[in-house]
């Protein structure tokens, strides 16, 4: 199952405001905090970095977002992916597109198709993407399903994309944001910045630690049962890893005629939106693109399947909030995720 244009649980990162310095451990006065805020990829971003001198990286940061958008934004008509979706088979994609394509192929295979970037046609049809919303019945859903399946798309050695059917619509929105954060992290790494926290629309990469406090970066996950305002469900510490979150609780559409609720998670196997007992998922991985993709997949998979997968893949850690058979809110978290909690 795949979430298109999906809502990410808004993650609040907590860092020291002002110039307060810790008196223990290393001399925190050797670090200067630089912050960058703005809008990108249809959401907001915040970057905090600690370095011996103040840095202004606005130009470089904007460049990363610009090239990612040009490569993979379905909302820009002149992007490479938009041209490919319109049938241009001569586009030679860049390294970023290749990276995301190959990782998508891996997660698609590992999750038995529950993560599927070709679900884009269904995303549009259900009214959650940039394309035209349709009035759907079982016949129309079945017809669209003919163009769904990432195995129906391949990337040639020359860098062109071959689709089995020109009507196949590729949508990387469920992984591109995480990948963009990884590119920002690479930018900071190349500048030998060893301590930073990047957040884009709730997705996070944390490197090193908050030297001003002499401890790991502290982040929080919102309670998915609070539809208005905010309340933290839990807080945890991150260091040298990434976290991405996904949830259905605020991203949905109500049919104006029937009053029926449609969530933004689409099952690429059945072609329908899925009202799941899983409220929200947060995944921790070494890079944000992978965390992003699996957070999407676990929202689409049955809870038991997600837990089984996590128990056999130690490279991933996760926190899942769900409703059990009697309607009570429950939690599942891997053992390593639990170790990161801040009480």
Foldseek 3Di string as FASTA:
>chain_A
DFFAVFAWFAKFWDADPDQFFDPDDDGLLQWDWEKDWDDAPNFIKIKIFIHSDYDDCVVVLVVLRVLLCLAAPCQDCNRPQNVQLQPPQPDAGDPLVVVLLVLQVVVCVLLVNQQWQLLVVLLQCCPNDPHHHHDDDQVVLVVSLVLTDSVQWDADPRRTIDGVDSNRHGHSRLQSVLSSVVVVVVVCVVVVGAFMWIATSRKIATGAARNRVPGFTKMFGFDLVDQDDTDTPFMFGDYQKIKIKGFFSHAWDADPPPRDIATSQAGSVSSGGDDAQWGMKMKMANTRSNNSSVNRSCVRDHVVVNVVSCVVDVRMWMKIWGADPVGDIDIDTDPVRVVGTDD
